[in-house]
Amino acid sequence: QKASNEEVRQLAQAEVEEQTGLSAKLKEIAQAKGVTLPSAPDADTQSMLSRMQNMSGMELDRHYLQAHAVGGHELLDATMTKVKASASDGNLKAVAQVAHPLVKEHLKVSREVM
């Protein structure tokens, strides 16, 4: 909402949708396995959110693109690749298989906007 560039706003919205869907699927898998996931962001994430709340305009656009849109998707891309190659849980592999193309697309678009 505070971004100055419409493309950045669209990327952020697409990421919210991507992460919401992925999070819901992972919660479902965790519940089925009796695993309790954290209910709140960790300290590093909370700190990052606090810093971003004080940003706006071009400063926010640059930070978001570098640290989250590109950096976050690079990390997620690497994680999905690892899960697809070596996870022993079929459900996790299936989620990675389905979500990975979207992650790659968001990374590509993020790099183009940057």
N, C-alpha and C. Protein backbone atom coordinates (compact mmCIF):
# COMPACT_ATOMS: atom_id res chain seq x y z
N GLN A 1 0.81 -1.20 0.00
CA GLN A 1 0.00 0.00 0.00
C GLN A 1 0.85 1.26 0.00
N LYS A 2 2.00 1.21 0.65
CA LYS A 2 2.86 2.39 0.75
C LYS A 2 3.90 2.45 -0.37
N ALA A 3 3.91 1.48 -1.24
CA ALA A 3 4.86 1.48 -2.35
C ALA A 3 4.49 2.60 -3.32
N SER A 4 5.52 3.15 -3.98
CA SER A 4 5.26 4.24 -4.92
C SER A 4 5.07 3.74 -6.34
N ASN A 5 5.49 2.53 -6.62
CA ASN A 5 5.45 1.99 -7.97
C ASN A 5 4.34 0.94 -8.07
N GLU A 6 3.48 1.09 -9.08
CA GLU A 6 2.36 0.16 -9.26
C GLU A 6 2.84 -1.27 -9.47
N GLU A 7 3.94 -1.46 -10.20
CA GLU A 7 4.46 -2.82 -10.42
C GLU A 7 4.89 -3.45 -9.10
N VAL A 8 5.47 -2.65 -8.21
CA VAL A 8 5.87 -3.17 -6.90
C VAL A 8 4.64 -3.57 -6.11
N ARG A 9 3.59 -2.75 -6.16
CA ARG A 9 2.34 -3.09 -5.47
C ARG A 9 1.77 -4.41 -5.99
N GLN A 10 1.80 -4.58 -7.31
CA GLN A 10 1.27 -5.81 -7.91
C GLN A 10 2.11 -7.02 -7.50
N LEU A 11 3.44 -6.85 -7.48
CA LEU A 11 4.31 -7.95 -7.03
C LEU A 11 4.01 -8.33 -5.59
N ALA A 12 3.87 -7.32 -4.76
CA ALA A 12 3.59 -7.59 -3.34
C ALA A 12 2.26 -8.33 -3.18
N GLN A 13 1.24 -7.93 -3.93
CA GLN A 13 -0.05 -8.60 -3.85
C GLN A 13 0.05 -10.04 -4.32
N ALA A 14 0.79 -10.26 -5.41
CA ALA A 14 0.98 -11.63 -5.91
C ALA A 14 1.72 -12.47 -4.87
N GLU A 15 2.68 -11.87 -4.18
CA GLU A 15 3.41 -12.61 -3.15
C GLU A 15 2.50 -12.96 -1.98
N VAL A 16 1.65 -12.03 -1.59
CA VAL A 16 0.70 -12.32 -0.50
C VAL A 16 -0.16 -13.53 -0.88
N GLU A 17 -0.66 -13.53 -2.10
CA GLU A 17 -1.49 -14.65 -2.54
C GLU A 17 -0.70 -15.95 -2.59
N GLU A 18 0.53 -15.88 -3.10
CA GLU A 18 1.41 -17.06 -3.17
C GLU A 18 1.66 -17.62 -1.78
N GLN A 19 2.07 -16.74 -0.86
CA GLN A 19 2.42 -17.18 0.48
C GLN A 19 1.21 -17.65 1.28
N THR A 20 0.07 -17.03 1.06
CA THR A 20 -1.15 -17.45 1.77
C THR A 20 -1.53 -18.87 1.37
N GLY A 21 -1.50 -19.15 0.08
CA GLY A 21 -1.84 -20.49 -0.39
C GLY A 21 -0.83 -21.53 0.05
N LEU A 22 0.44 -21.20 -0.06
CA LEU A 22 1.50 -22.12 0.35
C LEU A 22 1.45 -22.38 1.85
N SER A 23 1.24 -21.33 2.62
CA SER A 23 1.16 -21.46 4.07
C SER A 23 -0.01 -22.35 4.48
N ALA A 24 -1.15 -22.17 3.84
CA ALA A 24 -2.32 -22.99 4.17
C ALA A 24 -2.05 -24.47 3.90
N LYS A 25 -1.41 -24.76 2.78
CA LYS A 25 -1.12 -26.15 2.43
C LYS A 25 -0.12 -26.75 3.42
N LEU A 26 0.92 -25.97 3.77
CA LEU A 26 1.91 -26.48 4.72
C LEU A 26 1.30 -26.69 6.11
N LYS A 27 0.39 -25.81 6.52
CA LYS A 27 -0.30 -25.99 7.81
C LYS A 27 -1.12 -27.28 7.80
N GLU A 28 -1.77 -27.53 6.69
CA GLU A 28 -2.57 -28.75 6.54
C GLU A 28 -1.69 -29.99 6.69
N ILE A 29 -0.54 -29.98 6.04
CA ILE A 29 0.39 -31.12 6.12
C ILE A 29 0.90 -31.27 7.56
N ALA A 30 1.27 -30.15 8.17
CA ALA A 30 1.79 -30.19 9.54
C ALA A 30 0.75 -30.74 10.51
N GLN A 31 -0.49 -30.29 10.39
CA GLN A 31 -1.55 -30.78 11.26
C GLN A 31 -1.75 -32.28 11.10
N ALA A 32 -1.72 -32.74 9.88
CA ALA A 32 -1.90 -34.17 9.61
C ALA A 32 -0.78 -35.00 10.24
N LYS A 33 0.38 -34.40 10.40
CA LYS A 33 1.53 -35.10 10.99
C LYS A 33 1.70 -34.80 12.47
N GLY A 34 0.79 -33.97 13.03
CA GLY A 34 0.87 -33.63 14.44
C GLY A 34 1.97 -32.65 14.78
N VAL A 35 2.38 -31.85 13.82
CA VAL A 35 3.43 -30.86 14.03
C VAL A 35 2.79 -29.49 14.26
N THR A 36 3.22 -28.80 15.31
CA THR A 36 2.72 -27.46 15.60
C THR A 36 3.66 -26.43 15.01
N LEU A 37 3.11 -25.60 14.14
CA LEU A 37 3.89 -24.54 13.52
C LEU A 37 3.82 -23.27 14.37
N PRO A 38 4.80 -22.39 14.25
CA PRO A 38 4.76 -21.13 15.00
C PRO A 38 3.50 -20.34 14.64
N SER A 39 2.94 -19.65 15.63
CA SER A 39 1.72 -18.87 15.40
C SER A 39 2.02 -17.40 15.14
N ALA A 40 3.29 -17.01 15.29
CA ALA A 40 3.68 -15.62 15.08
C ALA A 40 5.04 -15.59 14.39
N PRO A 41 5.35 -14.47 13.74
CA PRO A 41 6.67 -14.35 13.10
C PRO A 41 7.80 -14.45 14.12
N ASP A 42 8.95 -14.97 13.67
CA ASP A 42 10.11 -15.03 14.55
C ASP A 42 10.67 -13.61 14.75
N ALA A 43 11.65 -13.47 15.63
CA ALA A 43 12.19 -12.15 15.99
C ALA A 43 12.78 -11.43 14.78
N ASP A 44 13.50 -12.13 13.92
CA ASP A 44 14.09 -11.50 12.74
C ASP A 44 13.02 -10.97 11.80
N THR A 45 11.98 -11.75 11.59
CA THR A 45 10.89 -11.33 10.71
C THR A 45 10.16 -10.15 11.31
N GLN A 46 9.92 -10.19 12.61
CA GLN A 46 9.23 -9.09 13.28
C GLN A 46 10.05 -7.81 13.19
N SER A 47 11.35 -7.91 13.35
CA SER A 47 12.24 -6.75 13.23
C SER A 47 12.18 -6.17 11.81
N MET A 48 12.23 -7.05 10.81
CA MET A 48 12.15 -6.61 9.42
C MET A 48 10.82 -5.91 9.15
N LEU A 49 9.73 -6.45 9.67
CA LEU A 49 8.43 -5.82 9.48
C LEU A 49 8.38 -4.44 10.11
N SER A 50 8.95 -4.31 11.29
CA SER A 50 8.99 -3.01 11.97
C SER A 50 9.77 -2.00 11.15
N ARG A 51 10.92 -2.40 10.61
CA ARG A 51 11.72 -1.49 9.78
C ARG A 51 10.94 -1.06 8.54
N MET A 52 10.27 -2.02 7.92
CA MET A 52 9.53 -1.70 6.70
C MET A 52 8.34 -0.78 6.97
N GLN A 53 7.74 -0.86 8.14
CA GLN A 53 6.61 0.00 8.47
C GLN A 53 7.02 1.47 8.51
N ASN A 54 8.31 1.72 8.75
CA ASN A 54 8.81 3.09 8.79
C ASN A 54 9.27 3.58 7.42
N MET A 55 9.17 2.76 6.39
CA MET A 55 9.59 3.13 5.04
C MET A 55 8.37 3.47 4.20
N SER A 56 8.63 4.23 3.14
CA SER A 56 7.58 4.49 2.15
C SER A 56 8.24 4.92 0.85
N GLY A 57 7.45 5.02 -0.19
CA GLY A 57 7.93 5.51 -1.48
C GLY A 57 9.06 4.66 -2.05
N MET A 58 9.99 5.33 -2.67
CA MET A 58 11.11 4.66 -3.35
C MET A 58 11.97 3.84 -2.39
N GLU A 59 12.14 4.31 -1.17
CA GLU A 59 12.93 3.55 -0.19
C GLU A 59 12.29 2.19 0.05
N LEU A 60 10.99 2.18 0.23
CA LEU A 60 10.27 0.93 0.45
C LEU A 60 10.32 0.06 -0.81
N ASP A 61 10.13 0.66 -1.96
CA ASP A 61 10.17 -0.09 -3.23
C ASP A 61 11.51 -0.81 -3.38
N ARG A 62 12.61 -0.07 -3.20
CA ARG A 62 13.95 -0.66 -3.37
C ARG A 62 14.19 -1.79 -2.36
N HIS A 63 13.86 -1.51 -1.10
CA HIS A 63 14.07 -2.53 -0.06
C HIS A 63 13.25 -3.78 -0.36
N TYR A 64 11.98 -3.59 -0.68
CA TYR A 64 11.11 -4.73 -0.95
C TYR A 64 11.64 -5.55 -2.13
N LEU A 65 11.98 -4.88 -3.22
CA LEU A 65 12.45 -5.59 -4.41
C LEU A 65 13.72 -6.37 -4.13
N GLN A 66 14.69 -5.74 -3.48
CA GLN A 66 15.98 -6.40 -3.23
C GLN A 66 15.87 -7.52 -2.20
N ALA A 67 15.30 -7.20 -1.05
CA ALA A 67 15.32 -8.14 0.07
C ALA A 67 14.23 -9.20 -0.01
N HIS A 68 13.10 -8.86 -0.54
CA HIS A 68 11.96 -9.78 -0.47
C HIS A 68 11.56 -10.35 -1.82
N ALA A 69 11.29 -9.47 -2.77
CA ALA A 69 10.82 -9.96 -4.06
C ALA A 69 11.89 -10.80 -4.75
N VAL A 70 13.14 -10.32 -4.76
CA VAL A 70 14.22 -11.10 -5.38
C VAL A 70 14.87 -12.01 -4.34
N GLY A 71 15.38 -11.45 -3.27
CA GLY A 71 16.09 -12.26 -2.27
C GLY A 71 15.24 -13.36 -1.66
N GLY A 72 14.01 -13.04 -1.32
CA GLY A 72 13.12 -14.05 -0.74
C GLY A 72 12.77 -15.15 -1.71
N HIS A 73 12.54 -14.78 -2.98
CA HIS A 73 12.21 -15.80 -3.98
C HIS A 73 13.43 -16.63 -4.36
N GLU A 74 14.63 -16.05 -4.30
CA GLU A 74 15.83 -16.86 -4.53
C GLU A 74 15.96 -17.93 -3.45
N LEU A 75 15.73 -17.54 -2.21
CA LEU A 75 15.78 -18.50 -1.10
C LEU A 75 14.69 -19.56 -1.25
N LEU A 76 13.49 -19.13 -1.59
CA LEU A 76 12.39 -20.07 -1.76
C LEU A 76 12.62 -21.00 -2.94
N ASP A 77 13.21 -20.48 -4.01
CA ASP A 77 13.55 -21.30 -5.18
C ASP A 77 14.54 -22.40 -4.78
N ALA A 78 15.57 -22.02 -4.04
CA ALA A 78 16.57 -23.00 -3.59
C ALA A 78 15.93 -24.04 -2.66
N THR A 79 15.05 -23.59 -1.78
CA THR A 79 14.38 -24.50 -0.85
C THR A 79 13.49 -25.48 -1.60
N MET A 80 12.73 -24.98 -2.56
CA MET A 80 11.85 -25.86 -3.34
C MET A 80 12.66 -26.88 -4.12
N THR A 81 13.78 -26.46 -4.69
CA THR A 81 14.64 -27.38 -5.43
C THR A 81 15.13 -28.49 -4.51
N LYS A 82 15.55 -28.11 -3.30
CA LYS A 82 16.05 -29.09 -2.33
C LYS A 82 14.94 -30.05 -1.90
N VAL A 83 13.76 -29.51 -1.62
CA VAL A 83 12.64 -30.36 -1.18
C VAL A 83 12.27 -31.35 -2.28
N LYS A 84 12.18 -30.87 -3.51
CA LYS A 84 11.82 -31.76 -4.62
C LYS A 84 12.85 -32.87 -4.80
N ALA A 85 14.11 -32.56 -4.55
CA ALA A 85 15.18 -33.54 -4.77
C ALA A 85 15.36 -34.51 -3.62
N SER A 86 15.12 -34.05 -2.38
CA SER A 86 15.54 -34.90 -1.27
C SER A 86 14.53 -35.11 -0.14
N ALA A 87 13.37 -34.50 -0.20
CA ALA A 87 12.41 -34.69 0.89
C ALA A 87 11.88 -36.13 0.87
N SER A 88 11.72 -36.69 2.05
CA SER A 88 11.19 -38.04 2.13
C SER A 88 9.65 -38.04 2.21
N ASP A 89 9.07 -36.89 2.51
CA ASP A 89 7.62 -36.79 2.63
C ASP A 89 7.01 -36.48 1.26
N GLY A 90 6.17 -37.36 0.80
CA GLY A 90 5.54 -37.20 -0.50
C GLY A 90 4.65 -35.97 -0.60
N ASN A 91 3.98 -35.62 0.50
CA ASN A 91 3.13 -34.44 0.50
C ASN A 91 3.94 -33.17 0.30
N LEU A 92 5.08 -33.08 0.98
CA LEU A 92 5.94 -31.91 0.82
C LEU A 92 6.49 -31.82 -0.59
N LYS A 93 6.88 -32.96 -1.12
CA LYS A 93 7.37 -32.98 -2.51
C LYS A 93 6.29 -32.51 -3.46
N ALA A 94 5.07 -32.94 -3.24
CA ALA A 94 3.95 -32.56 -4.11
C ALA A 94 3.69 -31.05 -4.04
N VAL A 95 3.74 -30.48 -2.85
CA VAL A 95 3.56 -29.04 -2.70
C VAL A 95 4.66 -28.30 -3.44
N ALA A 96 5.89 -28.74 -3.26
CA ALA A 96 7.02 -28.09 -3.93
C ALA A 96 6.87 -28.21 -5.44
N GLN A 97 6.45 -29.35 -5.91
CA GLN A 97 6.28 -29.57 -7.35
C GLN A 97 5.25 -28.61 -7.94
N VAL A 98 4.17 -28.39 -7.22
CA VAL A 98 3.10 -27.51 -7.69
C VAL A 98 3.48 -26.03 -7.55
N ALA A 99 4.09 -25.67 -6.42
CA ALA A 99 4.37 -24.26 -6.12
C ALA A 99 5.63 -23.73 -6.80
N HIS A 100 6.58 -24.59 -7.09
CA HIS A 100 7.87 -24.14 -7.61
C HIS A 100 7.76 -23.33 -8.91
N PRO A 101 6.95 -23.72 -9.88
CA PRO A 101 6.84 -22.89 -11.09
C PRO A 101 6.36 -21.46 -10.81
N LEU A 102 5.45 -21.30 -9.87
CA LEU A 102 4.97 -19.97 -9.50
C LEU A 102 6.08 -19.16 -8.83
N VAL A 103 6.85 -19.80 -7.97
CA VAL A 103 7.97 -19.14 -7.32
C VAL A 103 8.97 -18.67 -8.37
N LYS A 104 9.27 -19.53 -9.32
CA LYS A 104 10.21 -19.16 -10.39
C LYS A 104 9.68 -17.99 -11.22
N GLU A 105 8.40 -17.99 -11.49
CA GLU A 105 7.81 -16.90 -12.26
C GLU A 105 7.87 -15.58 -11.48
N HIS A 106 7.55 -15.63 -10.19
CA HIS A 106 7.62 -14.42 -9.37
C HIS A 106 9.06 -13.90 -9.27
N LEU A 107 10.02 -14.80 -9.19
CA LEU A 107 11.43 -14.40 -9.16
C LEU A 107 11.80 -13.72 -10.48
N LYS A 108 11.40 -14.29 -11.58
CA LYS A 108 11.69 -13.72 -12.91
C LYS A 108 11.11 -12.31 -13.03
N VAL A 109 9.85 -12.17 -12.69
CA VAL A 109 9.17 -10.87 -12.78
C VAL A 109 9.81 -9.86 -11.83
N SER A 110 10.17 -10.30 -10.63
CA SER A 110 10.81 -9.41 -9.66
C SER A 110 12.13 -8.88 -10.18
N ARG A 111 12.91 -9.74 -10.80
CA ARG A 111 14.18 -9.31 -11.38
C ARG A 111 13.95 -8.31 -12.52
N GLU A 112 12.90 -8.52 -13.31
CA GLU A 112 12.60 -7.60 -14.40
C GLU A 112 12.20 -6.22 -13.88
N VAL A 113 11.42 -6.19 -12.82
CA VAL A 113 10.96 -4.92 -12.25
C VAL A 113 12.12 -4.18 -11.60
N MET A 114 13.02 -4.94 -11.01
CA MET A 114 14.16 -4.35 -10.30
C MET A 114 15.04 -3.61 -11.30
